[in-house]
Amino acid sequence: PALVTILVFTSGVTDPVNVNKLLALGIVSCSAIAILTVKS
């Protein structure tokens, strides 16, 4: 969650905030949900 809030790119993009945070959130959320098992 901290990474999603902090991450900013200003080089090579026109939107330095939102597309980066969506990418970070996608990575974090998919990694987190994969930790769960059927028993979970």
All heavy atoms as atom14 arrays in JSON, in Angstrom:
{
  "sequence": "PALVTILVFTSGVTDPVNVNKLLALGIVSCSAIAILTVKS",
  "atom14_mask": [
    [1, 1, 1, 1, 1, 1, 1, 0, 0, 0, 0, 0, 0, 0],
    [1, 1, 1, 1, 1, 0, 0, 0, 0, 0, 0, 0, 0, 0],
    [1, 1, 1, 1, 1, 1, 1, 1, 0, 0, 0, 0, 0, 0],
    [1, 1, 1, 1, 1, 1, 1, 0, 0, 0, 0, 0, 0, 0],
    [1, 1, 1, 1, 1, 1, 1, 0, 0, 0, 0, 0, 0, 0],
    [1, 1, 1, 1, 1, 1, 1, 1, 0, 0, 0, 0, 0, 0],
    [1, 1, 1, 1, 1, 1, 1, 1, 0, 0, 0, 0, 0, 0],
    [1, 1, 1, 1, 1, 1, 1, 0, 0, 0, 0, 0, 0, 0],
    [1, 1, 1, 1, 1, 1, 1, 1, 1, 1, 1, 0, 0, 0],
    [1, 1, 1, 1, 1, 1, 1, 0, 0, 0, 0, 0, 0, 0],
    [1, 1, 1, 1, 1, 1, 0, 0, 0, 0, 0, 0, 0, 0],
    [1, 1, 1, 1, 0, 0, 0, 0, 0, 0, 0, 0, 0, 0],
    [1, 1, 1, 1, 1, 1, 1, 0, 0, 0, 0, 0, 0, 0],
    [1, 1, 1, 1, 1, 1, 1, 0, 0, 0, 0, 0, 0, 0],
    [1, 1, 1, 1, 1, 1, 1, 1, 0, 0, 0, 0, 0, 0],
    [1, 1, 1, 1, 1, 1, 1, 0, 0, 0, 0, 0, 0, 0],
    [1, 1, 1, 1, 1, 1, 1, 0, 0, 0, 0, 0, 0, 0],
    [1, 1, 1, 1, 1, 1, 1, 1, 0, 0, 0, 0, 0, 0],
    [1, 1, 1, 1, 1, 1, 1, 0, 0, 0, 0, 0, 0, 0],
    [1, 1, 1, 1, 1, 1, 1, 1, 0, 0, 0, 0, 0, 0],
    [1, 1, 1, 1, 1, 1, 1, 1, 1, 0, 0, 0, 0, 0],
    [1, 1, 1, 1, 1, 1, 1, 1, 0, 0, 0, 0, 0, 0],
    [1, 1, 1, 1, 1, 1, 1, 1, 0, 0, 0, 0, 0, 0],
    [1, 1, 1, 1, 1, 0, 0, 0, 0, 0, 0, 0, 0, 0],
    [1, 1, 1, 1, 1, 1, 1, 1, 0, 0, 0, 0, 0, 0],
    [1, 1, 1, 1, 0, 0, 0, 0, 0, 0, 0, 0, 0, 0],
    [1, 1, 1, 1, 1, 1, 1, 1, 0, 0, 0, 0, 0, 0],
    [1, 1, 1, 1, 1, 1, 1, 0, 0, 0, 0, 0, 0, 0],
    [1, 1, 1, 1, 1, 1, 0, 0, 0, 0, 0, 0, 0, 0],
    [1, 1, 1, 1, 1, 1, 0, 0, 0, 0, 0, 0, 0, 0],
    [1, 1, 1, 1, 1, 1, 0, 0, 0, 0, 0, 0, 0, 0],
    [1, 1, 1, 1, 1, 0, 0, 0, 0, 0, 0, 0, 0, 0],
    [1, 1, 1, 1, 1, 1, 1, 1, 0, 0, 0, 0, 0, 0],
    [1, 1, 1, 1, 1, 0, 0, 0, 0, 0, 0, 0, 0, 0],
    [1, 1, 1, 1, 1, 1, 1, 1, 0, 0, 0, 0, 0, 0],
    [1, 1, 1, 1, 1, 1, 1, 1, 0, 0, 0, 0, 0, 0],
    [1, 1, 1, 1, 1, 1, 1, 0, 0, 0, 0, 0, 0, 0],
    [1, 1, 1, 1, 1, 1, 1, 0, 0, 0, 0, 0, 0, 0],
    [1, 1, 1, 1, 1, 1, 1, 1, 1, 0, 0, 0, 0, 0],
    [1, 1, 1, 1, 1, 1, 0, 0, 0, 0, 0, 0, 0, 0]
  ],
  "atom14_positions": [
    [[0.81, -1.22, 0.0], [0.0, 0.0, 0.0], [0.85, 1.27, 0.0], [0.51, 2.26, -0.67], [-0.81, -0.13, 1.3], [-0.88, -1.6, 1.56], [0.44, -2.13, 1.1], [0.0, 0.0, 0.0], [0.0, 0.0, 0.0], [0.0, 0.0, 0.0], [0.0, 0.0, 0.0], [0.0, 0.0, 0.0], [0.0, 0.0, 0.0], [0.0, 0.0, 0.0]],
    [[1.96, 1.25, 0.74], [2.85, 2.42, 0.75], [3.42, 2.67, -0.64], [3.51, 3.82, -1.09], [3.98, 2.21, 1.76], [0.0, 0.0, 0.0], [0.0, 0.0, 0.0], [0.0, 0.0, 0.0], [0.0, 0.0, 0.0], [0.0, 0.0, 0.0], [0.0, 0.0, 0.0], [0.0, 0.0, 0.0], [0.0, 0.0, 0.0], [0.0, 0.0, 0.0]],
    [[3.8, 1.59, -1.33], [4.35, 1.73, -2.68], [3.34, 2.36, -3.62], [3.68, 3.23, -4.43], [4.78, 0.35, -3.2], [5.31, 0.32, -4.64], [6.63, 1.09, -4.74], [5.51, -1.13, -5.1], [0.0, 0.0, 0.0], [0.0, 0.0, 0.0], [0.0, 0.0, 0.0], [0.0, 0.0, 0.0], [0.0, 0.0, 0.0], [0.0, 0.0, 0.0]],
    [[2.09, 1.93, -3.54], [1.04, 2.48, -4.4], [0.9, 3.99, -4.17], [0.75, 4.77, -5.12], [-0.31, 1.78, -4.15], [-1.43, 2.44, -4.95], [-0.22, 0.3, -4.52], [0.0, 0.0, 0.0], [0.0, 0.0, 0.0], [0.0, 0.0, 0.0], [0.0, 0.0, 0.0], [0.0, 0.0, 0.0], [0.0, 0.0, 0.0], [0.0, 0.0, 0.0]],
    [[0.96, 4.42, -2.92], [0.83, 5.83, -2.6], [2.05, 6.64, -3.02], [1.93, 7.76, -3.51], [0.6, 6.02, -1.08], [-0.61, 5.35, -0.72], [0.48, 7.48, -0.71], [0.0, 0.0, 0.0], [0.0, 0.0, 0.0], [0.0, 0.0, 0.0], [0.0, 0.0, 0.0], [0.0, 0.0, 0.0], [0.0, 0.0, 0.0], [0.0, 0.0, 0.0]],
    [[3.23, 6.06, -2.86], [4.48, 6.8, -3.07], [4.89, 6.86, -4.54], [5.42, 7.87, -5.01], [5.61, 6.16, -2.24], [5.33, 6.32, -0.74], [6.97, 6.78, -2.59], [6.25, 5.49, 0.14], [0.0, 0.0, 0.0], [0.0, 0.0, 0.0], [0.0, 0.0, 0.0], [0.0, 0.0, 0.0], [0.0, 0.0, 0.0], [0.0, 0.0, 0.0]],
    [[4.65, 5.79, -5.29], [5.22, 5.65, -6.63], [4.82, 6.78, -7.57], [3.63, 7.03, -7.79], [4.82, 4.3, -7.23], [5.51, 3.93, -8.55], [7.03, 3.78, -8.34], [4.92, 2.65, -9.12], [0.0, 0.0, 0.0], [0.0, 0.0, 0.0], [0.0, 0.0, 0.0], [0.0, 0.0, 0.0], [0.0, 0.0, 0.0], [0.0, 0.0, 0.0]],
    [[5.81, 7.43, -8.14], [5.61, 8.5, -9.12], [6.7, 8.38, -10.18], [7.88, 8.21, -9.84], [5.68, 9.9, -8.47], [5.71, 10.99, -9.53], [4.52, 10.12, -7.53], [0.0, 0.0, 0.0], [0.0, 0.0, 0.0], [0.0, 0.0, 0.0], [0.0, 0.0, 0.0], [0.0, 0.0, 0.0], [0.0, 0.0, 0.0], [0.0, 0.0, 0.0]],
    [[6.31, 8.43, -11.46], [7.27, 8.49, -12.56], [7.06, 9.81, -13.28], [5.94, 10.18, -13.61], [7.04, 7.36, -13.57], [7.42, 6.0, -13.09], [6.84, 4.87, -13.64], [8.35, 5.84, -12.09], [7.19, 3.6, -13.22], [8.71, 4.57, -11.65], [8.12, 3.45, -12.21], [0.0, 0.0, 0.0], [0.0, 0.0, 0.0], [0.0, 0.0, 0.0]],
    [[8.14, 10.52, -13.55], [8.02, 11.78, -14.3], [8.74, 11.72, -15.63], [8.55, 12.58, -16.48], [8.59, 12.95, -13.49], [9.96, 12.69, -13.18], [7.8, 13.16, -12.21], [0.0, 0.0, 0.0], [0.0, 0.0, 0.0], [0.0, 0.0, 0.0], [0.0, 0.0, 0.0], [0.0, 0.0, 0.0], [0.0, 0.0, 0.0], [0.0, 0.0, 0.0]],
    [[9.55, 10.69, -15.83], [10.33, 10.57, -17.07], [9.68, 9.55, -18.0], [9.39, 8.43, -17.6], [11.76, 10.14, -16.75], [12.51, 9.96, -17.92], [0.0, 0.0, 0.0], [0.0, 0.0, 0.0], [0.0, 0.0, 0.0], [0.0, 0.0, 0.0], [0.0, 0.0, 0.0], [0.0, 0.0, 0.0], [0.0, 0.0, 0.0], [0.0, 0.0, 0.0]],
    [[9.46, 9.97, -19.23], [8.96, 9.04, -20.24], [7.46, 8.83, -20.24], [6.97, 7.97, -20.98], [0.0, 0.0, 0.0], [0.0, 0.0, 0.0], [0.0, 0.0, 0.0], [0.0, 0.0, 0.0], [0.0, 0.0, 0.0], [0.0, 0.0, 0.0], [0.0, 0.0, 0.0], [0.0, 0.0, 0.0], [0.0, 0.0, 0.0], [0.0, 0.0, 0.0]],
    [[6.72, 9.6, -19.43], [5.26, 9.48, -19.39], [4.64, 10.87, -19.42], [5.3, 11.86, -19.12], [4.78, 8.72, -18.13], [5.21, 7.26, -18.18], [5.3, 9.39, -16.87], [0.0, 0.0, 0.0], [0.0, 0.0, 0.0], [0.0, 0.0, 0.0], [0.0, 0.0, 0.0], [0.0, 0.0, 0.0], [0.0, 0.0, 0.0], [0.0, 0.0, 0.0]],
    [[3.35, 10.94, -19.75], [2.63, 12.21, -19.68], [1.83, 12.32, -18.39], [1.53, 13.41, -17.94], [1.68, 12.38, -20.88], [0.63, 11.41, -20.81], [2.42, 12.23, -22.2], [0.0, 0.0, 0.0], [0.0, 0.0, 0.0], [0.0, 0.0, 0.0], [0.0, 0.0, 0.0], [0.0, 0.0, 0.0], [0.0, 0.0, 0.0], [0.0, 0.0, 0.0]],
    [[1.47, 11.17, -17.82], [0.76, 11.14, -16.54], [1.71, 10.56, -15.49], [1.94, 9.35, -15.45], [-0.5, 10.28, -16.65], [-1.28, 10.2, -15.33], [-0.8, 10.75, -14.33], [-2.36, 9.57, -15.32], [0.0, 0.0, 0.0], [0.0, 0.0, 0.0], [0.0, 0.0, 0.0], [0.0, 0.0, 0.0], [0.0, 0.0, 0.0], [0.0, 0.0, 0.0]],
    [[2.29, 11.4, -14.64], [3.29, 10.91, -13.68], [2.71, 10.19, -12.47], [3.46, 9.65, -11.67], [4.01, 12.19, -13.25], [2.97, 13.25, -13.39], [2.13, 12.86, -14.57], [0.0, 0.0, 0.0], [0.0, 0.0, 0.0], [0.0, 0.0, 0.0], [0.0, 0.0, 0.0], [0.0, 0.0, 0.0], [0.0, 0.0, 0.0], [0.0, 0.0, 0.0]],
    [[1.38, 10.19, -12.33], [0.77, 9.71, -11.1], [-0.09, 8.46, -11.3], [0.2, 7.4, -10.73], [-0.09, 10.82, -10.43], [-0.76, 10.3, -9.18], [0.78, 12.04, -10.11], [0.0, 0.0, 0.0], [0.0, 0.0, 0.0], [0.0, 0.0, 0.0], [0.0, 0.0, 0.0], [0.0, 0.0, 0.0], [0.0, 0.0, 0.0], [0.0, 0.0, 0.0]],
    [[-1.13, 8.55, -12.07], [-2.19, 7.54, -12.03], [-1.85, 6.22, -12.7], [-2.14, 5.15, -12.14], [-3.46, 8.13, -12.65], [-3.94, 9.35, -11.89], [-4.51, 9.23, -10.81], [-3.71, 10.54, -12.43], [0.0, 0.0, 0.0], [0.0, 0.0, 0.0], [0.0, 0.0, 0.0], [0.0, 0.0, 0.0], [0.0, 0.0, 0.0], [0.0, 0.0, 0.0]],
    [[-1.25, 6.25, -13.9], [-0.95, 4.98, -14.57], [0.09, 4.19, -13.78], [0.07, 2.95, -13.77], [-0.46, 5.22, -16.02], [-1.6, 5.73, -16.89], [0.72, 6.18, -16.08], [0.0, 0.0, 0.0], [0.0, 0.0, 0.0], [0.0, 0.0, 0.0], [0.0, 0.0, 0.0], [0.0, 0.0, 0.0], [0.0, 0.0, 0.0], [0.0, 0.0, 0.0]],
    [[0.99, 4.9, -13.1], [2.01, 4.22, -12.3], [1.38, 3.53, -11.09], [1.74, 2.41, -10.73], [3.05, 5.23, -11.81], [3.51, 6.17, -12.9], [3.79, 5.75, -14.01], [3.58, 7.45, -12.59], [0.0, 0.0, 0.0], [0.0, 0.0, 0.0], [0.0, 0.0, 0.0], [0.0, 0.0, 0.0], [0.0, 0.0, 0.0], [0.0, 0.0, 0.0]],
    [[0.47, 4.25, -10.44], [-0.17, 3.71, -9.24], [-1.08, 2.54, -9.59], [-1.2, 1.58, -8.81], [-0.92, 4.82, -8.52], [0.0, 5.91, -7.98], [-0.75, 6.92, -7.13], [0.14, 8.09, -6.74], [1.37, 7.7, -6.02], [0.0, 0.0, 0.0], [0.0, 0.0, 0.0], [0.0, 0.0, 0.0], [0.0, 0.0, 0.0], [0.0, 0.0, 0.0]],
    [[-1.76, 2.61, -10.74], [-2.58, 1.47, -11.15], [-1.71, 0.25, -11.4], [-2.07, -0.87, -11.02], [-3.37, 1.83, -12.42], [-4.32, 0.73, -12.93], [-5.45, 0.5, -11.93], [-4.88, 1.09, -14.31], [0.0, 0.0, 0.0], [0.0, 0.0, 0.0], [0.0, 0.0, 0.0], [0.0, 0.0, 0.0], [0.0, 0.0, 0.0], [0.0, 0.0, 0.0]],
    [[-0.56, 0.45, -12.03], [0.36, -0.66, -12.27], [0.85, -1.25, -10.95], [0.86, -2.48, -10.77], [1.55, -0.16, -13.1], [2.68, -1.17, -13.38], [2.13, -2.39, -14.11], [3.8, -0.51, -14.18], [0.0, 0.0, 0.0], [0.0, 0.0, 0.0], [0.0, 0.0, 0.0], [0.0, 0.0, 0.0], [0.0, 0.0, 0.0], [0.0, 0.0, 0.0]],
    [[1.24, -0.4, -10.02], [1.71, -0.88, -8.71], [0.61, -1.63, -7.98], [0.85, -2.69, -7.38], [2.2, 0.3, -7.88], [0.0, 0.0, 0.0], [0.0, 0.0, 0.0], [0.0, 0.0, 0.0], [0.0, 0.0, 0.0], [0.0, 0.0, 0.0], [0.0, 0.0, 0.0], [0.0, 0.0, 0.0], [0.0, 0.0, 0.0], [0.0, 0.0, 0.0]],
    [[-0.62, -1.1, -8.01], [-1.73, -1.75, -7.33], [-2.03, -3.11, -7.95], [-2.33, -4.08, -7.22], [-2.98, -0.86, -7.4], [-4.24, -1.42, -6.74], [-4.02, -1.67, -5.25], [-5.42, -0.46, -6.93], [0.0, 0.0, 0.0], [0.0, 0.0, 0.0], [0.0, 0.0, 0.0], [0.0, 0.0, 0.0], [0.0, 0.0, 0.0], [0.0, 0.0, 0.0]],
    [[-1.96, -3.21, -9.27], [-2.19, -4.48, -9.93], [-1.18, -5.53, -9.49], [-1.54, -6.69, -9.21], [0.0, 0.0, 0.0], [0.0, 0.0, 0.0], [0.0, 0.0, 0.0], [0.0, 0.0, 0.0], [0.0, 0.0, 0.0], [0.0, 0.0, 0.0], [0.0, 0.0, 0.0], [0.0, 0.0, 0.0], [0.0, 0.0, 0.0], [0.0, 0.0, 0.0]],
    [[0.09, -5.14, -9.42], [1.14, -6.06, -8.99], [0.93, -6.5, -7.55], [0.99, -7.69, -7.22], [2.52, -5.39, -9.17], [2.83, -5.22, -10.66], [3.61, -6.2, -8.47], [4.06, -4.38, -10.93], [0.0, 0.0, 0.0], [0.0, 0.0, 0.0], [0.0, 0.0, 0.0], [0.0, 0.0, 0.0], [0.0, 0.0, 0.0], [0.0, 0.0, 0.0]],
    [[0.68, -5.54, -6.67], [0.54, -5.83, -5.24], [-0.7, -6.68, -4.97], [-0.64, -7.67, -4.22], [0.48, -4.52, -4.43], [0.11, -4.79, -2.97], [1.81, -3.78, -4.5], [0.0, 0.0, 0.0], [0.0, 0.0, 0.0], [0.0, 0.0, 0.0], [0.0, 0.0, 0.0], [0.0, 0.0, 0.0], [0.0, 0.0, 0.0], [0.0, 0.0, 0.0]],
    [[-1.82, -6.31, -5.56], [-3.07, -7.03, -5.27], [-3.05, -8.45, -5.8], [-3.51, -9.38, -5.11], [-4.27, -6.26, -5.85], [-4.18, -6.18, -7.26], [0.0, 0.0, 0.0], [0.0, 0.0, 0.0], [0.0, 0.0, 0.0], [0.0, 0.0, 0.0], [0.0, 0.0, 0.0], [0.0, 0.0, 0.0], [0.0, 0.0, 0.0], [0.0, 0.0, 0.0]],
    [[-2.52, -8.65, -7.0], [-2.47, -10.01, -7.55], [-1.49, -10.87, -6.77], [-1.75, -12.06, -6.54], [-2.08, -9.95, -9.03], [-3.38, -9.29, -10.1], [0.0, 0.0, 0.0], [0.0, 0.0, 0.0], [0.0, 0.0, 0.0], [0.0, 0.0, 0.0], [0.0, 0.0, 0.0], [0.0, 0.0, 0.0], [0.0, 0.0, 0.0], [0.0, 0.0, 0.0]],
    [[-0.36, -10.29, -6.36], [0.59, -11.05, -5.53], [-0.05, -11.43, -4.2], [0.12, -12.56, -3.72], [1.85, -10.21, -5.27], [2.51, -9.91, -6.48], [0.0, 0.0, 0.0], [0.0, 0.0, 0.0], [0.0, 0.0, 0.0], [0.0, 0.0, 0.0], [0.0, 0.0, 0.0], [0.0, 0.0, 0.0], [0.0, 0.0, 0.0], [0.0, 0.0, 0.0]],
    [[-0.78, -10.5, -3.6], [-1.4, -10.76, -2.3], [-2.46, -11.85, -2.38], [-2.5, -12.76, -1.52], [-2.01, -9.47, -1.74], [0.0, 0.0, 0.0], [0.0, 0.0, 0.0], [0.0, 0.0, 0.0], [0.0, 0.0, 0.0], [0.0, 0.0, 0.0], [0.0, 0.0, 0.0], [0.0, 0.0, 0.0], [0.0, 0.0, 0.0], [0.0, 0.0, 0.0]],
    [[-3.3, -11.8, -3.39], [-4.38, -12.78, -3.48], [-3.83, -14.17, -3.78], [-4.42, -15.19, -3.4], [-5.42, -12.36, -4.54], [-6.76, -13.08, -4.3], [-4.93, -12.62, -5.95], [-7.48, -12.63, -3.07], [0.0, 0.0, 0.0], [0.0, 0.0, 0.0], [0.0, 0.0, 0.0], [0.0, 0.0, 0.0], [0.0, 0.0, 0.0], [0.0, 0.0, 0.0]],
    [[-2.67, -14.24, -4.46], [-2.08, -15.54, -4.8], [-1.53, -16.26, -3.59], [-1.3, -17.48, -3.64], [-0.97, -15.34, -5.84], [0.0, 0.0, 0.0], [0.0, 0.0, 0.0], [0.0, 0.0, 0.0], [0.0, 0.0, 0.0], [0.0, 0.0, 0.0], [0.0, 0.0, 0.0], [0.0, 0.0, 0.0], [0.0, 0.0, 0.0], [0.0, 0.0, 0.0]],
    [[-1.29, -15.54, -2.51], [-0.79, -16.16, -1.28], [-1.84, -17.08, -0.66], [-1.52, -18.08, -0.02], [-0.35, -15.07, -0.27], [0.82, -14.27, -0.84], [0.02, -15.67, 1.07], [1.19, -13.06, -0.02], [0.0, 0.0, 0.0], [0.0, 0.0, 0.0], [0.0, 0.0, 0.0], [0.0, 0.0, 0.0], [0.0, 0.0, 0.0], [0.0, 0.0, 0.0]],
    [[-3.11, -16.75, -0.88], [-4.19, -17.53, -0.28], [-4.31, -18.9, -0.95], [-4.05, -19.05, -2.15], [-5.52, -16.78, -0.41], [-5.83, -15.74, 0.66], [-4.79, -14.61, 0.63], [-7.21, -15.15, 0.43], [0.0, 0.0, 0.0], [0.0, 0.0, 0.0], [0.0, 0.0, 0.0], [0.0, 0.0, 0.0], [0.0, 0.0, 0.0], [0.0, 0.0, 0.0]],
    [[-4.7, -19.89, -0.18], [-4.93, -21.25, -0.68], [-6.42, -21.57, -0.6], [-7.22, -20.76, -0.12], [-4.16, -22.27, 0.16], [-4.65, -22.23, 1.52], [-2.66, -21.97, 0.16], [0.0, 0.0, 0.0], [0.0, 0.0, 0.0], [0.0, 0.0, 0.0], [0.0, 0.0, 0.0], [0.0, 0.0, 0.0], [0.0, 0.0, 0.0], [0.0, 0.0, 0.0]],
    [[-6.77, -22.75, -1.08], [-8.17, -23.18, -1.01], [-8.66, -23.18, 0.43], [-9.77, -22.75, 0.73], [-8.33, -24.58, -1.64], [-9.76, -25.09, -1.43], [-8.0, -24.54, -3.13], [0.0, 0.0, 0.0], [0.0, 0.0, 0.0], [0.0, 0.0, 0.0], [0.0, 0.0, 0.0], [0.0, 0.0, 0.0], [0.0, 0.0, 0.0], [0.0, 0.0, 0.0]],
    [[-7.8, -23.65, 1.35], [-8.18, -23.67, 2.76], [-8.38, -22.25, 3.3], [-9.23, -22.02, 4.16], [-7.12, -24.41, 3.58], [-7.12, -25.91, 3.34], [-6.16, -26.62, 4.27], [-6.22, -28.14, 4.06], [-5.3, -28.85, 4.97], [0.0, 0.0, 0.0], [0.0, 0.0, 0.0], [0.0, 0.0, 0.0], [0.0, 0.0, 0.0], [0.0, 0.0, 0.0]],
    [[-7.59, -21.32, 2.78], [-7.74, -19.92, 3.19], [-9.11, -19.39, 2.79], [-9.78, -18.73, 3.57], [-6.64, -19.06, 2.56], [-5.36, -19.53, 2.89], [0.0, 0.0, 0.0], [0.0, 0.0, 0.0], [0.0, 0.0, 0.0], [0.0, 0.0, 0.0], [0.0, 0.0, 0.0], [0.0, 0.0, 0.0], [0.0, 0.0, 0.0], [0.0, 0.0, 0.0]]
  ]
}
